[in-house]
Amino acid sequence: MTAMQKVKQNHPLPLAFVLYLFGVHGAYALVLNTRFEWLVDARLSFKYLSFPEMSVLCDLIIVPAFLYAFLARKQPKQALLGALAMCALGLLAIRLWFPKDQLGSAATQVLAFTRLLSPLLTGLALIAEIGAILILWRVLKKPMKEPAIELMLAPMVKMLGHDSKLLQFLFAEQRVWIYALSRALPAHSDFTGDLHFGYAKQNGNASTMIGMCIANLMPTPILHFVIAQFSPTLAWVTTALALLTSLFMWAEYRATLARPVSLSGDTLFLRYGTLTDRKIARNQIRSVRTLSWKDEALTAKRYQGCGAANVEIVLDGEVIHIGLDEPGRFVAAIGS
């Protein structure tokens, strides 16, 4: 059984459950902070629990935990861990939003007990985090294959659909981290497609990107020192933004070296840097030709990095200009 087949057997949470969870937690955060009297009814209280305490216990802990366990019942381990996570989330919400002076003795003792567990849970989380970092380090020693991103985000693909803007952002974000941190780059042959076309050398595309990365990074310590004289907080914010921008440029540089534009029998795989990842059916292509700097149209959608476009692809209702190292070979291949 392949890894993708295993992923297809997972049972991701429906979007309705996620919306329900946001809704119920948001509603209780509002009511407990501003309209607590709506929940007060002495007739509905038990000996040890008031009605507001029973309400939050049921709506924020018991129901979400059992509902998660039911939705993930075909994956017992996922169901158990998810139900425990729902309980922890509910307890956190109660601790944050429930008025302290309205807590009864029973609820106070439960929260005090969970507080005693915090050091243990923190230790377990730290161990898990260290383990995850070690696993990630081992993975990053090898060239990362992009289908791994499909596997990681497969549950969200099922939930949101592959064309979702949010999902496209998450795919791009994963590519940024992979190409920024991985020690080895994949070869063109690791990508889907029969023929592959690079764009790293075109008008110094890759070298320009790494130059921009260095130019952005070099003055950062000096800027931090100067700005810190007026506002330490602003200095750290500026430095963080500069480092993240440089990280993105580094990832874009490496993705430019690794990710090709590819052709298969029926599909054009348009990859460009970390952000672009399109699949275009070849039967949608009406014409393709090489370009000079005089030919560029203002209405065309461009994928050219730091270089210049040298290929025009005309689709139904869209014109695309891209920059490639070997435009002639690409035009001949796509026209054959």
C-alpha atoms as a PDB file:
ATOM      1  CA  MET A   1       0.000   0.000   0.000  1.00  0.00           C
ATOM      2  CA  THR A   2       1.423   3.380  -1.039  1.00  0.00           C
ATOM      3  CA  ALA A   3       1.684   6.388   1.230  1.00  0.00           C
ATOM      4  CA  MET A   4      -0.983   8.203  -0.792  1.00  0.00           C
ATOM      5  CA  GLN A   5      -3.385   5.257  -0.416  1.00  0.00           C
ATOM      6  CA  LYS A   6      -2.825   5.341   3.338  1.00  0.00           C
ATOM      7  CA  VAL A   7      -3.626   9.045   3.387  1.00  0.00           C
ATOM      8  CA  LYS A   8      -6.856   8.409   1.479  1.00  0.00           C
ATOM      9  CA  GLN A   9      -7.961   6.085   4.260  1.00  0.00           C
ATOM     10  CA  ASN A  10      -7.796   8.922   6.802  1.00  0.00           C
ATOM     11  CA  HIS A  11     -11.020  10.552   7.876  1.00  0.00           C
ATOM     12  CA  PRO A  12     -10.384  14.307   8.008  1.00  0.00           C
ATOM     13  CA  LEU A  13     -12.783  16.443   9.990  1.00  0.00           C
ATOM     14  CA  PRO A  14     -15.585  18.004   7.961  1.00  0.00           C
ATOM     15  CA  LEU A  15     -15.532  21.768   7.658  1.00  0.00           C
ATOM     16  CA  ALA A  16     -18.832  21.896   9.560  1.00  0.00           C
ATOM     17  CA  PHE A  17     -17.139  20.563  12.720  1.00  0.00           C
ATOM     18  CA  VAL A  18     -14.382  23.192  12.512  1.00  0.00           C
ATOM     19  CA  LEU A  19     -16.979  25.946  12.083  1.00  0.00           C
ATOM     20  CA  TYR A  20     -19.016  24.505  14.971  1.00  0.00           C
ATOM     21  CA  LEU A  21     -15.945  24.528  17.211  1.00  0.00           C
ATOM     22  CA  PHE A  22     -15.141  28.149  16.365  1.00  0.00           C
ATOM     23  CA  GLY A  23     -18.783  29.079  16.853  1.00  0.00           C
ATOM     24  CA  VAL A  24     -19.319  27.453  20.256  1.00  0.00           C
ATOM     25  CA  HIS A  25     -16.034  28.734  21.692  1.00  0.00           C
ATOM     26  CA  GLY A  26     -16.667  32.208  20.320  1.00  0.00           C
ATOM     27  CA  ALA A  27     -20.201  32.272  21.728  1.00  0.00           C
ATOM     28  CA  TYR A  28     -19.088  31.188  25.199  1.00  0.00           C
ATOM     29  CA  ALA A  29     -16.195  33.657  25.209  1.00  0.00           C
ATOM     30  CA  LEU A  30     -18.711  36.433  24.519  1.00  0.00           C
ATOM     31  CA  VAL A  31     -21.377  35.253  26.988  1.00  0.00           C
ATOM     32  CA  LEU A  32     -19.027  34.444  29.874  1.00  0.00           C
ATOM     33  CA  ASN A  33     -17.321  37.840  29.583  1.00  0.00           C
ATOM     34  CA  THR A  34     -20.282  40.120  28.905  1.00  0.00           C
ATOM     35  CA  ARG A  35     -23.598  38.311  29.559  1.00  0.00           C
ATOM     36  CA  PHE A  36     -22.895  35.805  32.309  1.00  0.00           C
ATOM     37  CA  GLU A  37     -26.348  36.404  33.825  1.00  0.00           C
ATOM     38  CA  TRP A  38     -27.922  34.652  30.831  1.00  0.00           C
ATOM     39  CA  LEU A  39     -26.598  31.340  32.168  1.00  0.00           C
ATOM     40  CA  VAL A  40     -27.585  31.839  35.812  1.00  0.00           C
ATOM     41  CA  ASP A  41     -30.618  29.759  36.813  1.00  0.00           C
ATOM     42  CA  ALA A  42     -30.667  28.308  40.346  1.00  0.00           C
ATOM     43  CA  ARG A  43     -33.470  25.895  39.436  1.00  0.00           C
ATOM     44  CA  LEU A  44     -31.177  24.007  37.041  1.00  0.00           C
ATOM     45  CA  SER A  45     -28.213  23.658  39.394  1.00  0.00           C
ATOM     46  CA  PHE A  46     -27.075  20.436  41.064  1.00  0.00           C
ATOM     47  CA  LYS A  47     -25.520  20.022  44.485  1.00  0.00           C
ATOM     48  CA  TYR A  48     -21.928  20.416  43.339  1.00  0.00           C
ATOM     49  CA  LEU A  49     -22.284  22.194  39.986  1.00  0.00           C
ATOM     50  CA  SER A  50     -24.128  25.355  39.039  1.00  0.00           C
ATOM     51  CA  PHE A  51     -25.922  25.548  35.702  1.00  0.00           C
ATOM     52  CA  PRO A  52     -23.190  27.747  34.108  1.00  0.00           C
ATOM     53  CA  GLU A  53     -20.575  25.176  35.173  1.00  0.00           C
ATOM     54  CA  MET A  54     -22.645  22.301  33.759  1.00  0.00           C
ATOM     55  CA  SER A  55     -23.219  24.282  30.572  1.00  0.00           C
ATOM     56  CA  VAL A  56     -19.555  24.902  29.838  1.00  0.00           C
ATOM     57  CA  LEU A  57     -18.645  21.345  30.877  1.00  0.00           C
ATOM     58  CA  CYS A  58     -21.146  19.932  28.402  1.00  0.00           C
ATOM     59  CA  ASP A  59     -20.724  22.374  25.500  1.00  0.00           C
ATOM     60  CA  LEU A  60     -16.979  22.996  25.647  1.00  0.00           C
ATOM     61  CA  ILE A  61     -15.642  19.609  26.800  1.00  0.00           C
ATOM     62  CA  ILE A  62     -18.010  16.633  26.636  1.00  0.00           C
ATOM     63  CA  VAL A  63     -19.848  17.294  23.348  1.00  0.00           C
ATOM     64  CA  PRO A  64     -16.771  18.331  21.270  1.00  0.00           C
ATOM     65  CA  ALA A  65     -14.764  15.360  22.620  1.00  0.00           C
ATOM     66  CA  PHE A  66     -17.463  12.787  21.849  1.00  0.00           C
ATOM     67  CA  LEU A  67     -18.267  14.399  18.500  1.00  0.00           C
ATOM     68  CA  TYR A  68     -14.595  14.317  17.452  1.00  0.00           C
ATOM     69  CA  ALA A  69     -14.293  10.697  18.581  1.00  0.00           C
ATOM     70  CA  PHE A  70     -17.394   9.787  16.546  1.00  0.00           C
ATOM     71  CA  LEU A  71     -16.188  11.565  13.401  1.00  0.00           C
ATOM     72  CA  ALA A  72     -12.761   9.872  13.621  1.00  0.00           C
ATOM     73  CA  ARG A  73     -14.075   6.493  14.849  1.00  0.00           C
ATOM     74  CA  LYS A  74     -12.442   4.595  11.974  1.00  0.00           C
ATOM     75  CA  GLN A  75      -9.027   5.801  13.187  1.00  0.00           C
ATOM     76  CA  PRO A  76      -8.946   4.861  16.919  1.00  0.00           C
ATOM     77  CA  LYS A  77      -5.633   6.559  17.687  1.00  0.00           C
ATOM     78  CA  GLN A  78      -6.736   9.774  15.975  1.00  0.00           C
ATOM     79  CA  ALA A  79     -10.097   9.596  17.756  1.00  0.00           C
ATOM     80  CA  LEU A  80      -8.482   9.228  21.201  1.00  0.00           C
ATOM     81  CA  LEU A  81      -5.884  11.948  20.739  1.00  0.00           C
ATOM     82  CA  GLY A  82      -8.415  14.297  19.157  1.00  0.00           C
ATOM     83  CA  ALA A  83     -10.920  13.785  21.973  1.00  0.00           C
ATOM     84  CA  LEU A  84      -8.210  14.528  24.545  1.00  0.00           C
ATOM     85  CA  ALA A  85      -7.270  17.645  22.596  1.00  0.00           C
ATOM     86  CA  MET A  86     -10.914  18.794  22.660  1.00  0.00           C
ATOM     87  CA  CYS A  87     -10.973  18.296  26.446  1.00  0.00           C
ATOM     88  CA  ALA A  88      -7.757  20.291  26.854  1.00  0.00           C
ATOM     89  CA  LEU A  89      -9.096  23.068  24.618  1.00  0.00           C
ATOM     90  CA  GLY A  90     -12.324  23.205  26.624  1.00  0.00           C
ATOM     91  CA  LEU A  91     -10.476  23.394  29.950  1.00  0.00           C
ATOM     92  CA  LEU A  92      -8.307  26.180  28.583  1.00  0.00           C
ATOM     93  CA  ALA A  93     -11.393  28.112  27.474  1.00  0.00           C
ATOM     94  CA  ILE A  94     -13.004  27.699  30.907  1.00  0.00           C
ATOM     95  CA  ARG A  95      -9.854  28.887  32.624  1.00  0.00           C
ATOM     96  CA  LEU A  96      -9.639  31.915  30.326  1.00  0.00           C
ATOM     97  CA  TRP A  97     -13.267  33.039  30.162  1.00  0.00           C
ATOM     98  CA  PHE A  98     -15.192  31.732  33.182  1.00  0.00           C
ATOM     99  CA  PRO A  99     -15.406  34.397  35.949  1.00  0.00           C
ATOM    100  CA  LYS A 100     -13.248  33.212  38.845  1.00  0.00           C
ATOM    101  CA  ASP A 101     -15.666  34.476  41.470  1.00  0.00           C
ATOM    102  CA  GLN A 102     -18.458  32.352  39.979  1.00  0.00           C
ATOM    103  CA  LEU A 103     -16.599  29.041  40.153  1.00  0.00           C
ATOM    104  CA  GLY A 104     -17.919  26.532  42.688  1.00  0.00           C
ATOM    105  CA  SER A 105     -15.717  24.335  44.862  1.00  0.00           C
ATOM    106  CA  ALA A 106     -15.980  21.288  42.588  1.00  0.00           C
ATOM    107  CA  ALA A 107     -14.993  23.197  39.439  1.00  0.00           C
ATOM    108  CA  THR A 108     -12.193  24.958  41.316  1.00  0.00           C
ATOM    109  CA  GLN A 109     -10.761  21.620  42.439  1.00  0.00           C
ATOM    110  CA  VAL A 110     -10.904  20.221  38.881  1.00  0.00           C
ATOM    111  CA  LEU A 111      -9.064  23.243  37.481  1.00  0.00           C
ATOM    112  CA  ALA A 112      -6.526  23.065  40.320  1.00  0.00           C
ATOM    113  CA  PHE A 113      -5.919  19.391  39.492  1.00  0.00           C
ATOM    114  CA  THR A 114      -5.380  20.164  35.813  1.00  0.00           C
ATOM    115  CA  ARG A 115      -2.964  22.905  36.855  1.00  0.00           C
ATOM    116  CA  LEU A 116      -0.897  20.284  38.693  1.00  0.00           C
ATOM    117  CA  LEU A 117      -0.686  18.299  35.456  1.00  0.00           C
ATOM    118  CA  SER A 118       0.709  21.271  33.529  1.00  0.00           C
ATOM    119  CA  PRO A 119       4.401  20.577  34.292  1.00  0.00           C
ATOM    120  CA  LEU A 120       3.980  16.946  33.185  1.00  0.00           C
ATOM    121  CA  LEU A 121       2.147  17.933  30.010  1.00  0.00           C
ATOM    122  CA  THR A 122       4.737  20.629  29.294  1.00  0.00           C
ATOM    123  CA  GLY A 123       7.529  18.080  29.676  1.00  0.00           C
ATOM    124  CA  LEU A 124       5.780  15.641  27.334  1.00  0.00           C
ATOM    125  CA  ALA A 125       5.191  18.408  24.808  1.00  0.00           C
ATOM    126  CA  LEU A 126       8.876  19.387  24.995  1.00  0.00           C
ATOM    127  CA  ILE A 127       9.949  15.777  24.417  1.00  0.00           C
ATOM    128  CA  ALA A 128       7.566  15.523  21.478  1.00  0.00           C
ATOM    129  CA  GLU A 129       8.886  18.803  20.055  1.00  0.00           C
ATOM    130  CA  ILE A 130      12.501  17.625  20.309  1.00  0.00           C
ATOM    131  CA  GLY A 131      11.525  14.352  18.636  1.00  0.00           C
ATOM    132  CA  ALA A 132       9.777  16.245  15.829  1.00  0.00           C
ATOM    133  CA  ILE A 133      12.831  18.450  15.298  1.00  0.00           C
ATOM    134  CA  LEU A 134      15.103  15.394  15.102  1.00  0.00           C
ATOM    135  CA  ILE A 135      12.788  13.728  12.596  1.00  0.00           C
ATOM    136  CA  LEU A 136      12.631  16.945  10.561  1.00  0.00           C
ATOM    137  CA  TRP A 137      16.421  17.210  10.593  1.00  0.00           C
ATOM    138  CA  ARG A 138      16.778  13.661   9.282  1.00  0.00           C
ATOM    139  CA  VAL A 139      14.207  14.367   6.586  1.00  0.00           C
ATOM    140  CA  LEU A 140      15.863  17.618   5.531  1.00  0.00           C
ATOM    141  CA  LYS A 141      19.163  15.809   4.910  1.00  0.00           C
ATOM    142  CA  LYS A 142      17.551  14.244   1.839  1.00  0.00           C
ATOM    143  CA  PRO A 143      16.093  15.983  -1.205  1.00  0.00           C
ATOM    144  CA  MET A 144      12.483  16.773  -0.356  1.00  0.00           C
ATOM    145  CA  LYS A 145      10.052  15.425  -2.943  1.00  0.00           C
ATOM    146  CA  GLU A 146       7.104  17.752  -3.468  1.00  0.00           C
ATOM    147  CA  PRO A 147       4.539  14.914  -3.393  1.00  0.00           C
ATOM    148  CA  ALA A 148       5.341  14.833   0.340  1.00  0.00           C
ATOM    149  CA  ILE A 149       3.520  18.176   0.629  1.00  0.00           C
ATOM    150  CA  GLU A 150       0.492  16.575  -1.033  1.00  0.00           C
ATOM    151  CA  LEU A 151       0.609  13.815   1.575  1.00  0.00           C
ATOM    152  CA  MET A 152       0.923  16.253   4.486  1.00  0.00           C
ATOM    153  CA  LEU A 153      -1.990  18.391   3.322  1.00  0.00           C
ATOM    154  CA  ALA A 154      -4.170  15.594   1.902  1.00  0.00           C
ATOM    155  CA  PRO A 155      -6.791  15.892   4.702  1.00  0.00           C
ATOM    156  CA  MET A 156      -7.203  19.612   3.987  1.00  0.00           C
ATOM    157  CA  VAL A 157      -7.397  18.919   0.247  1.00  0.00           C
ATOM    158  CA  LYS A 158     -10.349  16.634   0.957  1.00  0.00           C
ATOM    159  CA  MET A 159     -11.959  19.234   3.186  1.00  0.00           C
ATOM    160  CA  LEU A 160     -11.421  22.397   1.123  1.00  0.00           C
ATOM    161  CA  GLY A 161     -10.749  21.200  -2.431  1.00  0.00           C
ATOM    162  CA  HIS A 162      -7.487  21.590  -4.333  1.00  0.00           C
ATOM    163  CA  ASP A 163      -8.463  24.965  -5.848  1.00  0.00           C
ATOM    164  CA  SER A 164      -9.046  26.652  -2.484  1.00  0.00           C
ATOM    165  CA  LYS A 165      -7.086  29.917  -2.113  1.00  0.00           C
ATOM    166  CA  LEU A 166      -6.289  29.023   1.503  1.00  0.00           C
ATOM    167  CA  LEU A 167      -4.929  25.649   0.431  1.00  0.00           C
ATOM    168  CA  GLN A 168      -2.827  27.190  -2.328  1.00  0.00           C
ATOM    169  CA  PHE A 169      -1.333  29.529   0.270  1.00  0.00           C
ATOM    170  CA  LEU A 170      -0.554  26.574   2.570  1.00  0.00           C
ATOM    171  CA  PHE A 171       1.121  24.673  -0.282  1.00  0.00           C
ATOM    172  CA  ALA A 172       3.272  27.716  -1.090  1.00  0.00           C
ATOM    173  CA  GLU A 173       4.111  28.211   2.596  1.00  0.00           C
ATOM    174  CA  GLN A 174       5.228  24.578   2.894  1.00  0.00           C
ATOM    175  CA  ARG A 175       7.427  24.981  -0.181  1.00  0.00           C
ATOM    176  CA  VAL A 176       9.054  28.076   1.335  1.00  0.00           C
ATOM    177  CA  TRP A 177      10.070  26.164   4.476  1.00  0.00           C
ATOM    178  CA  ILE A 178      11.193  23.083   2.539  1.00  0.00           C
ATOM    179  CA  TYR A 179      13.420  24.975   0.115  1.00  0.00           C
ATOM    180  CA  ALA A 180      14.717  27.291   2.833  1.00  0.00           C
ATOM    181  CA  LEU A 181      15.722  24.515   5.256  1.00  0.00           C
ATOM    182  CA  SER A 182      16.392  21.325   3.306  1.00  0.00           C
ATOM    183  CA  ARG A 183      20.078  20.475   2.896  1.00  0.00           C
ATOM    184  CA  ALA A 184      19.720  18.890  -0.546  1.00  0.00           C
ATOM    185  CA  LEU A 185      17.620  19.908  -3.533  1.00  0.00           C
ATOM    186  CA  PRO A 186      15.577  17.540  -5.696  1.00  0.00           C
ATOM    187  CA  ALA A 187      16.595  16.959  -9.305  1.00  0.00           C
ATOM    188  CA  HIS A 188      14.334  17.898 -12.205  1.00  0.00           C
ATOM    189  CA  SER A 189      13.655  14.205 -12.743  1.00  0.00           C
ATOM    190  CA  ASP A 190      12.024  14.022  -9.304  1.00  0.00           C
ATOM    191  CA  PHE A 191       9.120  16.134 -10.578  1.00  0.00           C
ATOM    192  CA  THR A 192       6.050  14.975 -12.483  1.00  0.00           C
ATOM    193  CA  GLY A 193       6.496  15.347 -16.241  1.00  0.00           C
ATOM    194  CA  ASP A 194       8.396  13.877 -19.178  1.00  0.00           C
ATOM    195  CA  LEU A 195      10.351  16.967 -20.295  1.00  0.00           C
ATOM    196  CA  HIS A 196      11.737  19.562 -17.895  1.00  0.00           C
ATOM    197  CA  PHE A 197      12.772  23.165 -18.505  1.00  0.00           C
ATOM    198  CA  GLY A 198      14.752  25.332 -16.091  1.00  0.00           C
ATOM    199  CA  TYR A 199      14.697  29.094 -15.610  1.00  0.00           C
ATOM    200  CA  ALA A 200      17.522  29.693 -13.099  1.00  0.00           C
ATOM    201  CA  LYS A 201      20.033  31.041 -15.659  1.00  0.00           C
ATOM    202  CA  GLN A 202      17.579  33.126 -17.667  1.00  0.00           C
ATOM    203  CA  ASN A 203      18.774  36.753 -17.313  1.00  0.00           C
ATOM    204  CA  GLY A 204      20.552  35.785 -14.085  1.00  0.00           C
ATOM    205  CA  ASN A 205      17.278  34.838 -12.395  1.00  0.00           C
ATOM    206  CA  ALA A 206      18.734  32.762  -9.540  1.00  0.00           C
ATOM    207  CA  SER A 207      21.873  34.839  -9.036  1.00  0.00           C
ATOM    208  CA  THR A 208      19.785  38.022  -8.809  1.00  0.00           C
ATOM    209  CA  MET A 209      17.581  36.456  -6.135  1.00  0.00           C
ATOM    210  CA  ILE A 210      20.525  35.373  -3.959  1.00  0.00           C
ATOM    211  CA  GLY A 211      22.063  38.831  -4.414  1.00  0.00           C
ATOM    212  CA  MET A 212      18.840  40.443  -3.187  1.00  0.00           C
ATOM    213  CA  CYS A 213      18.842  38.059  -0.229  1.00  0.00           C
ATOM    214  CA  ILE A 214      22.374  39.077   0.790  1.00  0.00           C
ATOM    215  CA  ALA A 215      21.685  42.780   0.203  1.00  0.00           C
ATOM    216  CA  ASN A 216      18.598  42.562   2.402  1.00  0.00           C
ATOM    217  CA  LEU A 217      20.422  40.680   5.160  1.00  0.00           C
ATOM    218  CA  MET A 218      23.688  42.639   5.422  1.00  0.00           C
ATOM    219  CA  PRO A 219      22.396  45.937   6.901  1.00  0.00           C
ATOM    220  CA  THR A 220      20.031  44.220   9.356  1.00  0.00           C
ATOM    221  CA  PRO A 221      22.355  44.334  12.437  1.00  0.00           C
ATOM    222  CA  ILE A 222      23.145  48.027  11.848  1.00  0.00           C
ATOM    223  CA  LEU A 223      19.480  48.912  11.352  1.00  0.00           C
ATOM    224  CA  HIS A 224      18.587  46.998  14.504  1.00  0.00           C
ATOM    225  CA  PHE A 225      21.179  48.940  16.522  1.00  0.00           C
ATOM    226  CA  VAL A 226      20.061  52.323  15.146  1.00  0.00           C
ATOM    227  CA  ILE A 227      16.329  51.728  15.603  1.00  0.00           C
ATOM    228  CA  ALA A 228      16.859  50.262  19.100  1.00  0.00           C
ATOM    229  CA  GLN A 229      18.075  53.665  20.264  1.00  0.00           C
ATOM    230  CA  PHE A 230      14.526  54.957  19.781  1.00  0.00           C
ATOM    231  CA  SER A 231      12.341  51.854  20.192  1.00  0.00           C
ATOM    232  CA  PRO A 232      13.635  48.363  21.120  1.00  0.00           C
ATOM    233  CA  THR A 233      10.271  46.843  20.201  1.00  0.00           C
ATOM    234  CA  LEU A 234      10.286  48.393  16.727  1.00  0.00           C
ATOM    235  CA  ALA A 235      13.897  47.274  16.285  1.00  0.00           C
ATOM    236  CA  TRP A 236      13.014  43.629  16.972  1.00  0.00           C
ATOM    237  CA  VAL A 237       9.934  43.793  14.733  1.00  0.00           C
ATOM    238  CA  THR A 238      12.006  45.278  11.911  1.00  0.00           C
ATOM    239  CA  THR A 239      14.740  42.668  12.370  1.00  0.00           C
ATOM    240  CA  ALA A 240      12.228  39.810  12.402  1.00  0.00           C
ATOM    241  CA  LEU A 241      10.633  41.066   9.188  1.00  0.00           C
ATOM    242  CA  ALA A 242      14.058  41.450   7.546  1.00  0.00           C
ATOM    243  CA  LEU A 243      15.063  37.913   8.520  1.00  0.00           C
ATOM    244  CA  LEU A 244      11.773  36.447   7.281  1.00  0.00           C
ATOM    245  CA  THR A 245      12.126  38.341   3.999  1.00  0.00           C
ATOM    246  CA  SER A 246      15.667  37.028   3.570  1.00  0.00           C
ATOM    247  CA  LEU A 247      14.480  33.517   4.389  1.00  0.00           C
ATOM    248  CA  PHE A 248      11.840  33.798   1.680  1.00  0.00           C
ATOM    249  CA  MET A 249      14.419  35.075  -0.852  1.00  0.00           C
ATOM    250  CA  TRP A 250      16.746  32.191   0.031  1.00  0.00           C
ATOM    251  CA  ALA A 251      13.902  29.704  -0.454  1.00  0.00           C
ATOM    252  CA  GLU A 252      12.930  31.383  -3.733  1.00  0.00           C
ATOM    253  CA  TYR A 253      16.538  31.176  -4.945  1.00  0.00           C
ATOM    254  CA  ARG A 254      16.774  27.456  -4.195  1.00  0.00           C
ATOM    255  CA  ALA A 255      13.325  26.735  -5.636  1.00  0.00           C
ATOM    256  CA  THR A 256      14.387  28.563  -8.807  1.00  0.00           C
ATOM    257  CA  LEU A 257      17.315  26.137  -9.095  1.00  0.00           C
ATOM    258  CA  ALA A 258      15.216  23.040  -8.384  1.00  0.00           C
ATOM    259  CA  ARG A 259      11.619  23.433  -9.601  1.00  0.00           C
ATOM    260  CA  PRO A 260      11.195  23.051 -13.383  1.00  0.00           C
ATOM    261  CA  VAL A 261       8.464  23.882 -15.845  1.00  0.00           C
ATOM    262  CA  SER A 262       7.490  20.421 -17.111  1.00  0.00           C
ATOM    263  CA  LEU A 263       5.531  18.790 -19.917  1.00  0.00           C
ATOM    264  CA  SER A 264       3.757  15.463 -19.965  1.00  0.00           C
ATOM    265  CA  GLY A 265       1.599  14.024 -22.711  1.00  0.00           C
ATOM    266  CA  ASP A 266      -1.488  16.026 -21.752  1.00  0.00           C
ATOM    267  CA  THR A 267      -0.417  18.563 -19.103  1.00  0.00           C
ATOM    268  CA  LEU A 268       1.821  21.610 -18.734  1.00  0.00           C
ATOM    269  CA  PHE A 269       3.136  21.831 -15.168  1.00  0.00           C
ATOM    270  CA  LEU A 270       3.880  25.497 -14.634  1.00  0.00           C
ATOM    271  CA  ARG A 271       6.167  25.802 -11.597  1.00  0.00           C
ATOM    272  CA  TYR A 272       7.996  29.019 -10.858  1.00  0.00           C
ATOM    273  CA  GLY A 273       9.839  29.649  -7.595  1.00  0.00           C
ATOM    274  CA  THR A 274       7.960  28.708  -4.433  1.00  0.00           C
ATOM    275  CA  LEU A 275       4.675  30.481  -5.156  1.00  0.00           C
ATOM    276  CA  THR A 276       3.597  29.254  -8.584  1.00  0.00           C
ATOM    277  CA  ASP A 277       2.232  25.761  -9.112  1.00  0.00           C
ATOM    278  CA  ARG A 278      -0.280  25.435 -11.950  1.00  0.00           C
ATOM    279  CA  LYS A 279      -1.491  22.540 -14.062  1.00  0.00           C
ATOM    280  CA  ILE A 280      -2.694  23.470 -17.544  1.00  0.00           C
ATOM    281  CA  ALA A 281      -4.240  20.943 -19.927  1.00  0.00           C
ATOM    282  CA  ARG A 282      -2.359  21.024 -23.226  1.00  0.00           C
ATOM    283  CA  ASN A 283      -5.623  20.998 -25.182  1.00  0.00           C
ATOM    284  CA  GLN A 284      -6.347  24.461 -23.703  1.00  0.00           C
ATOM    285  CA  ILE A 285      -3.212  25.907 -25.328  1.00  0.00           C
ATOM    286  CA  ARG A 286      -4.074  27.787 -28.517  1.00  0.00           C
ATOM    287  CA  SER A 287      -0.589  28.979 -29.486  1.00  0.00           C
ATOM    288  CA  VAL A 288       2.956  29.275 -28.182  1.00  0.00           C
ATOM    289  CA  ARG A 289       5.865  31.377 -29.428  1.00  0.00           C
ATOM    290  CA  THR A 290       9.142  32.922 -28.312  1.00  0.00           C
ATOM    291  CA  LEU A 291       9.205  36.581 -27.304  1.00  0.00           C
ATOM    292  CA  SER A 292      11.609  39.470 -27.467  1.00  0.00           C
ATOM    293  CA  TRP A 293      11.524  42.457 -25.141  1.00  0.00           C
ATOM    294  CA  LYS A 294       9.452  44.332 -27.742  1.00  0.00           C
ATOM    295  CA  ASP A 295       6.623  41.795 -27.689  1.00  0.00           C
ATOM    296  CA  GLU A 296       5.515  41.836 -24.047  1.00  0.00           C
ATOM    297  CA  ALA A 297       1.819  42.599 -23.557  1.00  0.00           C
ATOM    298  CA  LEU A 298       0.647  44.554 -20.534  1.00  0.00           C
ATOM    299  CA  THR A 299      -2.374  42.273 -20.071  1.00  0.00           C
ATOM    300  CA  ALA A 300      -0.352  39.038 -19.938  1.00  0.00           C
ATOM    301  CA  LYS A 301       0.093  37.118 -16.707  1.00  0.00           C
ATOM    302  CA  ARG A 302       3.823  36.894 -16.047  1.00  0.00           C
ATOM    303  CA  TYR A 303       5.961  34.159 -14.522  1.00  0.00           C
ATOM    304  CA  GLN A 304       9.505  35.423 -15.001  1.00  0.00           C
ATOM    305  CA  GLY A 305      11.180  35.831 -11.615  1.00  0.00           C
ATOM    306  CA  CYS A 306      13.966  38.385 -11.734  1.00  0.00           C
ATOM    307  CA  GLY A 307      14.549  37.822 -15.445  1.00  0.00           C
ATOM    308  CA  ALA A 308      12.423  38.692 -18.464  1.00  0.00           C
ATOM    309  CA  ALA A 309       9.712  36.766 -20.255  1.00  0.00           C
ATOM    310  CA  ASN A 310      10.756  35.046 -23.480  1.00  0.00           C
ATOM    311  CA  VAL A 311       7.822  32.668 -24.153  1.00  0.00           C
ATOM    312  CA  GLU A 312       4.159  33.490 -24.766  1.00  0.00           C
ATOM    313  CA  ILE A 313       1.420  30.898 -24.199  1.00  0.00           C
ATOM    314  CA  VAL A 314      -2.086  31.762 -25.350  1.00  0.00           C
ATOM    315  CA  LEU A 315      -4.936  29.921 -23.605  1.00  0.00           C
ATOM    316  CA  ASP A 316      -8.704  30.275 -23.786  1.00  0.00           C
ATOM    317  CA  GLY A 317      -9.220  33.733 -22.295  1.00  0.00           C
ATOM    318  CA  GLU A 318      -5.699  34.110 -20.858  1.00  0.00           C
ATOM    319  CA  VAL A 319      -2.229  35.051 -22.094  1.00  0.00           C
ATOM    320  CA  ILE A 320       0.798  33.829 -20.127  1.00  0.00           C
ATOM    321  CA  HIS A 321       4.368  35.094 -20.443  1.00  0.00           C
ATOM    322  CA  ILE A 322       7.137  33.035 -18.852  1.00  0.00           C
ATOM    323  CA  GLY A 323      10.918  33.186 -18.756  1.00  0.00           C
ATOM    324  CA  LEU A 324      12.912  30.008 -19.498  1.00  0.00           C
ATOM    325  CA  ASP A 325      16.552  29.082 -20.061  1.00  0.00           C
ATOM    326  CA  GLU A 326      15.757  27.325 -23.371  1.00  0.00           C
ATOM    327  CA  PRO A 327      12.703  29.003 -24.893  1.00  0.00           C
ATOM    328  CA  GLY A 328      13.250  27.510 -28.331  1.00  0.00           C
ATOM    329  CA  ARG A 329      13.366  23.939 -27.054  1.00  0.00           C
ATOM    330  CA  PHE A 330      10.225  24.536 -24.984  1.00  0.00           C
ATOM    331  CA  VAL A 331       8.283  25.999 -27.932  1.00  0.00           C
ATOM    332  CA  ALA A 332       9.337  23.084 -30.146  1.00  0.00           C
ATOM    333  CA  ALA A 333       8.364  20.532 -27.474  1.00  0.00           C
ATOM    334  CA  ILE A 334       4.984  22.008 -26.633  1.00  0.00           C
ATOM    335  CA  GLY A 335       4.121  22.452 -30.304  1.00  0.00           C
ATOM    336  CA  SER A 336       4.956  18.874 -31.236  1.00  0.00           C
END
